[in-house]
C-alpha atoms as a PDB file:
ATOM      1  CA  MET A   1     -12.930  18.889  20.668  1.00  0.00           C
ATOM      2  CA  PRO A   2     -12.864  21.280  17.526  1.00  0.00           C
ATOM      3  CA  ILE A   3     -12.059  20.234  14.561  1.00  0.00           C
ATOM      4  CA  PHE A   4      -8.672  21.507  12.907  1.00  0.00           C
ATOM      5  CA  LYS A   5      -7.645  22.241   9.400  1.00  0.00           C
ATOM      6  CA  LEU A   6      -4.835  21.645   7.804  1.00  0.00           C
ATOM      7  CA  SER A   7      -2.533  23.885   5.952  1.00  0.00           C
ATOM      8  CA  ASP A   8       0.481  23.745   3.376  1.00  0.00           C
ATOM      9  CA  TYR A   9       2.799  22.637   6.637  1.00  0.00           C
ATOM     10  CA  LEU A  10       3.654  19.395   7.208  1.00  0.00           C
ATOM     11  CA  LEU A  11       1.929  18.887  10.861  1.00  0.00           C
ATOM     12  CA  PHE A  12      -1.111  17.495  12.633  1.00  0.00           C
ATOM     13  CA  PRO A  13      -2.239  18.047  15.837  1.00  0.00           C
ATOM     14  CA  PRO A  14      -1.649  15.287  18.305  1.00  0.00           C
ATOM     15  CA  PRO A  15      -4.352  12.742  17.796  1.00  0.00           C
ATOM     16  CA  GLU A  16      -5.707  12.464  21.268  1.00  0.00           C
ATOM     17  CA  LEU A  17      -7.363  16.234  20.653  1.00  0.00           C
ATOM     18  CA  ALA A  18      -9.708  14.047  17.957  1.00  0.00           C
ATOM     19  CA  ARG A  19     -13.335  14.578  18.204  1.00  0.00           C
ATOM     20  CA  TYR A  20     -15.657  11.761  20.207  1.00  0.00           C
ATOM     21  CA  ASP A  21     -16.359   9.975  16.966  1.00  0.00           C
ATOM     22  CA  GLY A  22     -12.750  10.373  15.677  1.00  0.00           C
ATOM     23  CA  LEU A  23     -12.136  12.850  13.281  1.00  0.00           C
ATOM     24  CA  LEU A  24      -9.028  14.877  14.060  1.00  0.00           C
ATOM     25  CA  ALA A  25      -8.554  17.209  10.968  1.00  0.00           C
ATOM     26  CA  VAL A  26      -9.381  18.337   7.652  1.00  0.00           C
ATOM     27  CA  GLY A  27      -7.652  19.606   4.555  1.00  0.00           C
ATOM     28  CA  GLY A  28      -3.956  18.444   3.606  1.00  0.00           C
ATOM     29  CA  ASP A  29      -3.022  16.200   0.838  1.00  0.00           C
ATOM     30  CA  LEU A  30      -1.806  12.840   0.448  1.00  0.00           C
ATOM     31  CA  SER A  31       2.168  13.067  -0.066  1.00  0.00           C
ATOM     32  CA  PRO A  32       3.867  10.394   0.869  1.00  0.00           C
ATOM     33  CA  ALA A  33       5.890  12.568   3.572  1.00  0.00           C
ATOM     34  CA  ARG A  34       2.016  13.707   5.392  1.00  0.00           C
ATOM     35  CA  LEU A  35       0.909  10.229   4.980  1.00  0.00           C
ATOM     36  CA  LEU A  36       3.801   8.929   6.560  1.00  0.00           C
ATOM     37  CA  LEU A  37       3.888  11.164   9.432  1.00  0.00           C
ATOM     38  CA  ALA A  38      -0.172  10.533  10.161  1.00  0.00           C
ATOM     39  CA  TYR A  39       0.461   6.873  10.181  1.00  0.00           C
ATOM     40  CA  GLU A  40       3.513   7.234  12.750  1.00  0.00           C
ATOM     41  CA  MET A  41       1.274   9.418  14.713  1.00  0.00           C
ATOM     42  CA  GLY A  42      -1.812   6.724  14.632  1.00  0.00           C
ATOM     43  CA  ILE A  43      -3.653   9.104  12.128  1.00  0.00           C
ATOM     44  CA  PHE A  44      -5.645   7.935   8.820  1.00  0.00           C
ATOM     45  CA  PRO A  45      -6.937   9.444   6.180  1.00  0.00           C
ATOM     46  CA  TRP A  46     -10.875   7.999   5.622  1.00  0.00           C
ATOM     47  CA  TYR A  47     -12.948  10.203   3.573  1.00  0.00           C
ATOM     48  CA  THR A  48     -15.526   9.775   0.142  1.00  0.00           C
ATOM     49  CA  GLU A  49     -15.686  11.732  -2.858  1.00  0.00           C
ATOM     50  CA  ASP A  50     -18.918  13.433  -1.887  1.00  0.00           C
ATOM     51  CA  ASP A  51     -16.185  15.085   0.933  1.00  0.00           C
ATOM     52  CA  VAL A  52     -14.835  18.484   0.285  1.00  0.00           C
ATOM     53  CA  ASP A  53     -11.630  18.017   1.931  1.00  0.00           C
ATOM     54  CA  ILE A  54      -9.596  15.231   3.012  1.00  0.00           C
ATOM     55  CA  LEU A  55     -10.600  13.468   6.587  1.00  0.00           C
ATOM     56  CA  TRP A  56      -8.395  12.362   8.970  1.00  0.00           C
ATOM     57  CA  TRP A  57      -9.087  10.312  12.196  1.00  0.00           C
ATOM     58  CA  ALA A  58      -7.809   8.861  15.091  1.00  0.00           C
ATOM     59  CA  PRO A  59     -10.223   7.012  16.989  1.00  0.00           C
ATOM     60  CA  ASP A  60     -10.617   5.977  20.585  1.00  0.00           C
ATOM     61  CA  PRO A  61     -10.719   3.011  21.446  1.00  0.00           C
ATOM     62  CA  ARG A  62      -9.037   1.699  18.895  1.00  0.00           C
ATOM     63  CA  LEU A  63      -8.865  -2.162  17.046  1.00  0.00           C
ATOM     64  CA  ILE A  64      -5.915  -4.135  16.922  1.00  0.00           C
ATOM     65  CA  LEU A  65      -5.033  -7.148  16.250  1.00  0.00           C
ATOM     66  CA  ASP A  66      -1.991  -8.748  18.350  1.00  0.00           C
ATOM     67  CA  LEU A  67      -0.327 -11.618  16.288  1.00  0.00           C
ATOM     68  CA  ASP A  68      -0.871 -14.418  18.761  1.00  0.00           C
ATOM     69  CA  ASP A  69      -4.616 -13.552  19.104  1.00  0.00           C
ATOM     70  CA  PHE A  70      -5.268 -14.248  15.561  1.00  0.00           C
ATOM     71  CA  HIS A  71      -7.586 -17.170  15.579  1.00  0.00           C
ATOM     72  CA  ILE A  72      -8.642 -19.109  12.374  1.00  0.00           C
ATOM     73  CA  SER A  73     -10.987 -22.230  12.456  1.00  0.00           C
ATOM     74  CA  ARG A  74      -9.748 -25.874  12.430  1.00  0.00           C
ATOM     75  CA  ARG A  75     -11.904 -26.684   9.215  1.00  0.00           C
ATOM     76  CA  LEU A  76      -9.679 -23.486   7.409  1.00  0.00           C
ATOM     77  CA  LYS A  77      -6.596 -24.656   8.724  1.00  0.00           C
ATOM     78  CA  ARG A  78      -7.128 -27.550   6.688  1.00  0.00           C
ATOM     79  CA  GLU A  79      -8.290 -25.859   3.881  1.00  0.00           C
ATOM     80  CA  ILE A  80      -4.942 -24.173   4.148  1.00  0.00           C
ATOM     81  CA  ARG A  81      -2.989 -27.476   4.227  1.00  0.00           C
ATOM     82  CA  LYS A  82      -4.772 -28.144   0.850  1.00  0.00           C
ATOM     83  CA  ASN A  83      -2.782 -25.891  -0.966  1.00  0.00           C
ATOM     84  CA  ILE A  84      -5.771 -25.217  -3.010  1.00  0.00           C
ATOM     85  CA  PHE A  85      -4.834 -21.241  -2.776  1.00  0.00           C
ATOM     86  CA  GLN A  86      -1.463 -19.564  -3.124  1.00  0.00           C
ATOM     87  CA  VAL A  87      -0.505 -16.473  -1.018  1.00  0.00           C
ATOM     88  CA  THR A  88       2.028 -14.091  -2.603  1.00  0.00           C
ATOM     89  CA  PHE A  89       3.130 -10.515  -1.778  1.00  0.00           C
ATOM     90  CA  ASP A  90       3.507  -7.405  -3.296  1.00  0.00           C
ATOM     91  CA  GLN A  91       2.774  -8.878  -6.639  1.00  0.00           C
ATOM     92  CA  ASN A  92      -0.016  -7.133  -7.784  1.00  0.00           C
ATOM     93  CA  PHE A  93      -0.784  -3.883  -5.341  1.00  0.00           C
ATOM     94  CA  ARG A  94      -2.883  -2.302  -7.860  1.00  0.00           C
ATOM     95  CA  GLU A  95      -4.690  -4.801  -8.928  1.00  0.00           C
ATOM     96  CA  VAL A  96      -5.589  -5.632  -5.273  1.00  0.00           C
ATOM     97  CA  ILE A  97      -6.156  -1.762  -4.278  1.00  0.00           C
ATOM     98  CA  ILE A  98      -8.984  -1.555  -6.777  1.00  0.00           C
ATOM     99  CA  ALA A  99     -10.343  -5.168  -6.121  1.00  0.00           C
ATOM    100  CA  CYS A 100     -10.609  -3.430  -2.635  1.00  0.00           C
ATOM    101  CA  ALA A 101     -12.258  -0.377  -3.858  1.00  0.00           C
ATOM    102  CA  THR A 102     -14.551  -2.046  -6.369  1.00  0.00           C
ATOM    103  CA  SER A 103     -16.028  -4.873  -3.434  1.00  0.00           C
ATOM    104  CA  ARG A 104     -17.545  -1.977  -1.544  1.00  0.00           C
ATOM    105  CA  PRO A 105     -20.767   0.059  -3.062  1.00  0.00           C
ATOM    106  CA  ASP A 106     -19.612   3.135  -1.541  1.00  0.00           C
ATOM    107  CA  THR A 107     -16.005   3.204  -0.805  1.00  0.00           C
ATOM    108  CA  TRP A 108     -13.442   5.594   0.633  1.00  0.00           C
ATOM    109  CA  ILE A 109     -10.757   4.219  -1.455  1.00  0.00           C
ATOM    110  CA  ILE A 110     -11.090   6.594  -4.468  1.00  0.00           C
ATOM    111  CA  PRO A 111      -9.052   7.503  -7.762  1.00  0.00           C
ATOM    112  CA  GLU A 112      -7.045   9.707  -6.013  1.00  0.00           C
ATOM    113  CA  MET A 113      -6.215   7.220  -2.880  1.00  0.00           C
ATOM    114  CA  GLN A 114      -5.800   4.493  -5.016  1.00  0.00           C
ATOM    115  CA  ASP A 115      -2.633   6.513  -6.766  1.00  0.00           C
ATOM    116  CA  ALA A 116      -1.586   7.751  -3.078  1.00  0.00           C
ATOM    117  CA  TYR A 117      -1.085   4.327  -1.817  1.00  0.00           C
ATOM    118  CA  CYS A 118       0.446   3.053  -4.847  1.00  0.00           C
ATOM    119  CA  HIS A 119       3.171   5.589  -4.788  1.00  0.00           C
ATOM    120  CA  LEU A 120       3.781   4.649  -1.098  1.00  0.00           C
ATOM    121  CA  HIS A 121       4.111   1.249  -2.385  1.00  0.00           C
ATOM    122  CA  GLU A 122       6.517   2.152  -5.330  1.00  0.00           C
ATOM    123  CA  LEU A 123       8.776   3.528  -2.506  1.00  0.00           C
ATOM    124  CA  GLY A 124       8.265   0.595  -0.199  1.00  0.00           C
ATOM    125  CA  TYR A 125       5.925   1.416   2.456  1.00  0.00           C
ATOM    126  CA  ALA A 126       2.914   0.001   1.363  1.00  0.00           C
ATOM    127  CA  HIS A 127       2.497  -3.468   0.686  1.00  0.00           C
ATOM    128  CA  SER A 128      -0.647  -6.205  -1.045  1.00  0.00           C
ATOM    129  CA  VAL A 129      -1.350  -9.703  -0.156  1.00  0.00           C
ATOM    130  CA  GLU A 130      -2.635 -11.462  -3.019  1.00  0.00           C
ATOM    131  CA  CYS A 131      -4.545 -14.902  -2.650  1.00  0.00           C
ATOM    132  CA  ARG A 132      -5.047 -17.042  -5.477  1.00  0.00           C
ATOM    133  CA  GLN A 133      -7.054 -19.636  -6.644  1.00  0.00           C
ATOM    134  CA  ASP A 134      -5.657 -21.496 -10.246  1.00  0.00           C
ATOM    135  CA  LYS A 135      -3.411 -18.313 -10.806  1.00  0.00           C
ATOM    136  CA  ARG A 136      -6.571 -15.821 -10.552  1.00  0.00           C
ATOM    137  CA  LEU A 137      -6.249 -13.564  -7.614  1.00  0.00           C
ATOM    138  CA  VAL A 138      -9.680 -14.276  -5.740  1.00  0.00           C
ATOM    139  CA  GLY A 139      -8.820 -12.194  -2.517  1.00  0.00           C
ATOM    140  CA  GLY A 140      -6.237 -10.183  -0.686  1.00  0.00           C
ATOM    141  CA  LEU A 141      -5.431  -7.121   1.474  1.00  0.00           C
ATOM    142  CA  TYR A 142      -3.112  -4.206   1.455  1.00  0.00           C
ATOM    143  CA  GLY A 143      -1.634  -1.558   3.863  1.00  0.00           C
ATOM    144  CA  VAL A 144       1.096   0.224   5.228  1.00  0.00           C
ATOM    145  CA  SER A 145       4.131  -0.849   7.394  1.00  0.00           C
ATOM    146  CA  LEU A 146       6.072   1.289   9.662  1.00  0.00           C
ATOM    147  CA  GLY A 147       8.523   0.778  12.561  1.00  0.00           C
ATOM    148  CA  GLY A 148       6.622  -2.729  14.250  1.00  0.00           C
ATOM    149  CA  VAL A 149       3.463  -2.381  12.884  1.00  0.00           C
ATOM    150  CA  PHE A 150       1.262  -2.956   9.719  1.00  0.00           C
ATOM    151  CA  PHE A 151      -1.583  -0.550   9.225  1.00  0.00           C
ATOM    152  CA  GLY A 152      -4.433  -2.595   7.594  1.00  0.00           C
ATOM    153  CA  GLU A 153      -6.317  -0.752   4.839  1.00  0.00           C
ATOM    154  CA  SER A 154      -8.631  -2.861   3.421  1.00  0.00           C
ATOM    155  CA  MET A 155      -9.257  -6.222   2.203  1.00  0.00           C
ATOM    156  CA  PHE A 156     -11.224  -8.352  -0.162  1.00  0.00           C
ATOM    157  CA  SER A 157     -12.860 -11.820  -0.988  1.00  0.00           C
ATOM    158  CA  GLN A 158     -14.280 -13.061  -4.121  1.00  0.00           C
ATOM    159  CA  VAL A 159     -14.223 -16.303  -2.918  1.00  0.00           C
ATOM    160  CA  ALA A 160     -15.350 -17.991   0.673  1.00  0.00           C
ATOM    161  CA  ASN A 161     -12.287 -17.377   3.014  1.00  0.00           C
ATOM    162  CA  SER A 162      -9.895 -16.143   0.761  1.00  0.00           C
ATOM    163  CA  SER A 163      -9.141 -12.603   2.764  1.00  0.00           C
ATOM    164  CA  LYS A 164      -8.963 -14.932   5.673  1.00  0.00           C
ATOM    165  CA  ILE A 165      -6.130 -16.921   4.091  1.00  0.00           C
ATOM    166  CA  ALA A 166      -4.171 -13.971   2.956  1.00  0.00           C
ATOM    167  CA  LEU A 167      -4.662 -12.397   6.481  1.00  0.00           C
ATOM    168  CA  ALA A 168      -3.248 -15.619   7.595  1.00  0.00           C
ATOM    169  CA  GLY A 169      -0.186 -15.279   5.442  1.00  0.00           C
ATOM    170  CA  LEU A 170       0.273 -11.291   6.496  1.00  0.00           C
ATOM    171  CA  VAL A 171       0.262 -12.788  10.179  1.00  0.00           C
ATOM    172  CA  GLY A 172       2.770 -15.502   9.366  1.00  0.00           C
ATOM    173  CA  ARG A 173       5.103 -12.993   8.125  1.00  0.00           C
ATOM    174  CA  LEU A 174       4.622 -10.342  10.757  1.00  0.00           C
ATOM    175  CA  LYS A 175       5.762 -13.098  13.217  1.00  0.00           C
ATOM    176  CA  GLU A 176       8.947 -14.286  11.420  1.00  0.00           C
ATOM    177  CA  TRP A 177       9.852 -10.565  11.421  1.00  0.00           C
ATOM    178  CA  ASN A 178       8.748  -9.836  14.987  1.00  0.00           C
ATOM    179  CA  PHE A 179       6.399  -7.259  14.216  1.00  0.00           C
ATOM    180  CA  ASP A 180       4.021  -5.624  17.210  1.00  0.00           C
ATOM    181  CA  PHE A 181       0.741  -5.822  15.999  1.00  0.00           C
ATOM    182  CA  ILE A 182      -1.671  -4.810  13.152  1.00  0.00           C
ATOM    183  CA  ASP A 183      -3.433  -1.555  13.293  1.00  0.00           C
ATOM    184  CA  CYS A 184      -7.164  -2.814  12.485  1.00  0.00           C
ATOM    185  CA  GLN A 185      -8.439   1.132  12.917  1.00  0.00           C
ATOM    186  CA  VAL A 186     -12.283   0.976  13.775  1.00  0.00           C
ATOM    187  CA  LYS A 187     -14.379  -2.563  14.702  1.00  0.00           C
ATOM    188  CA  THR A 188     -15.585  -4.828  12.413  1.00  0.00           C
ATOM    189  CA  ASP A 189     -17.588  -7.941  13.617  1.00  0.00           C
ATOM    190  CA  HIS A 190     -15.465  -9.635  11.469  1.00  0.00           C
ATOM    191  CA  LEU A 191     -11.947  -8.802  12.450  1.00  0.00           C
ATOM    192  CA  ILE A 192     -13.221  -9.382  16.015  1.00  0.00           C
ATOM    193  CA  SER A 193     -13.914 -13.080  15.096  1.00  0.00           C
ATOM    194  CA  LEU A 194     -10.215 -13.625  13.746  1.00  0.00           C
ATOM    195  CA  GLY A 195      -8.677 -12.245  17.268  1.00  0.00           C
ATOM    196  CA  ALA A 196      -8.750  -8.317  17.124  1.00  0.00           C
ATOM    197  CA  ARG A 197      -9.550  -6.659  20.426  1.00  0.00           C
ATOM    198  CA  GLU A 198     -10.435  -2.949  20.913  1.00  0.00           C
ATOM    199  CA  ILE A 199      -7.718  -1.151  23.226  1.00  0.00           C
ATOM    200  CA  PRO A 200      -8.332   2.430  25.153  1.00  0.00           C
ATOM    201  CA  GLY A 201      -6.659   5.012  23.071  1.00  0.00           C
ATOM    202  CA  PRO A 202      -3.680   6.330  25.390  1.00  0.00           C
ATOM    203  CA  ILE A 203      -2.646   2.536  25.589  1.00  0.00           C
ATOM    204  CA  PHE A 204      -2.858   2.274  21.650  1.00  0.00           C
ATOM    205  CA  PHE A 205      -0.566   5.366  21.128  1.00  0.00           C
ATOM    206  CA  ASN A 206       1.801   4.145  24.021  1.00  0.00           C
ATOM    207  CA  ARG A 207       2.701   0.713  21.953  1.00  0.00           C
ATOM    208  CA  LEU A 208       2.279   2.593  18.751  1.00  0.00           C
ATOM    209  CA  ALA A 209       5.046   5.389  19.919  1.00  0.00           C
ATOM    210  CA  ALA A 210       7.477   2.569  21.110  1.00  0.00           C
ATOM    211  CA  SER A 211       6.807   0.455  17.640  1.00  0.00           C
ATOM    212  CA  MET A 212       7.767   3.447  15.807  1.00  0.00           C
ATOM    213  CA  ARG A 213      11.310   3.528  17.746  1.00  0.00           C
ATOM    214  CA  ARG A 214      12.367   0.183  15.433  1.00  0.00           C
ATOM    215  CA  ALA A 215      13.709   0.309  12.020  1.00  0.00           C
ATOM    216  CA  SER A 216      10.872  -0.284   8.810  1.00  0.00           C
ATOM    217  CA  ILE A 217      11.128  -3.155   6.677  1.00  0.00           C
ATOM    218  CA  THR A 218      10.671  -1.272   3.679  1.00  0.00           C
ATOM    219  CA  GLY A 219      11.447  -2.245  -0.279  1.00  0.00           C
ATOM    220  CA  SER A 220       9.501  -5.573  -1.943  1.00  0.00           C
ATOM    221  CA  TRP A 221       8.096  -7.791   0.186  1.00  0.00           C
ATOM    222  CA  GLN A 222       7.656 -10.455  -2.688  1.00  0.00           C
ATOM    223  CA  ILE A 223       8.805 -13.856  -1.509  1.00  0.00           C
ATOM    224  CA  LYS A 224       9.828 -16.738  -3.386  1.00  0.00           C
ATOM    225  CA  VAL A 225       7.336 -18.877  -5.231  1.00  0.00           C
ATOM    226  CA  PRO A 226       6.810 -22.523  -6.541  1.00  0.00           C
ATOM    227  CA  ALA A 227       8.739 -22.921  -9.788  1.00  0.00           C
ATOM    228  CA  ALA A 228       7.611 -25.389 -12.839  1.00  0.00           C
ATOM    229  CA  ASP A 229      10.035 -27.703 -11.593  1.00  0.00           C
ATOM    230  CA  GLY A 230       8.950 -27.972  -7.503  1.00  0.00           C
ATOM    231  CA  GLY A 231      12.153 -25.843  -7.133  1.00  0.00           C
ATOM    232  CA  GLU A 232      11.648 -21.986  -6.282  1.00  0.00           C
ATOM    233  CA  VAL A 233      11.870 -18.650  -8.333  1.00  0.00           C
ATOM    234  CA  PRO A 234      13.140 -16.013  -6.124  1.00  0.00           C
ATOM    235  CA  ASN A 235      11.273 -12.254  -6.848  1.00  0.00           C
ATOM    236  CA  GLU A 236      12.541  -8.743  -5.861  1.00  0.00           C
ATOM    237  CA  GLU A 237      14.686  -8.704  -2.781  1.00  0.00           C
ATOM    238  CA  GLN A 238      13.066  -8.392   0.115  1.00  0.00           C
ATOM    239  CA  GLY A 239      13.829  -5.359   3.142  1.00  0.00           C
ATOM    240  CA  LYS A 240      15.817  -3.183   0.731  1.00  0.00           C
ATOM    241  CA  ASN A 241      15.731   0.170   2.158  1.00  0.00           C
ATOM    242  CA  ASN A 242      14.115   2.556   0.132  1.00  0.00           C
ATOM    243  CA  GLN A 243      14.490   6.836   0.926  1.00  0.00           C
ATOM    244  CA  LEU A 244      11.278   9.581   0.084  1.00  0.00           C
END
């Protein structure tokens, strides 16, 4: 398959035309409109500072996590019940994305990617999940939410199991809102161990198209957090609609 060169027009080739390794196109930009169109079509950017252009991918097969398939060990469930960790949403997006970037020696989360996703966060489409221990950020993840799908981008862990606990918090929230699945993009043993599975591209894109017909829950995903007196302190309103 050929690799497509993007122009200034807001347009992507069909993801089914991606190369054997998932590479579909090069070029374009990281504007919010282009990123959102890409995710709606099952396409995502993934490149490093050594690449001349932005690389856009649509791999087949695709790794997804159906929410009911999420699996954590009994030991981790006991650890969650002890309330050693606190899980929050959208309280420190930039700190989470920087922690994800610095947790890897050869990262694709370069500064321009950080800025682009922080912009999406400001518009209410990109979200972070923070895991804290003694008020210190020790793990978390971030991604993009559209329709009934959460597109997971990256996670980090500075304390054992903290990223798993952040993911458990995300799964719980997505179940409350009746999301369809999490797009995990490419296969990793870590995600497979948590219940993710690969599905053929045609099945993924059909499921994605159905999920994109649902209204997106945008705006801040911050939740109520415990107050010092044992009550609750409400944060910003959830589900507030933002427009590009």
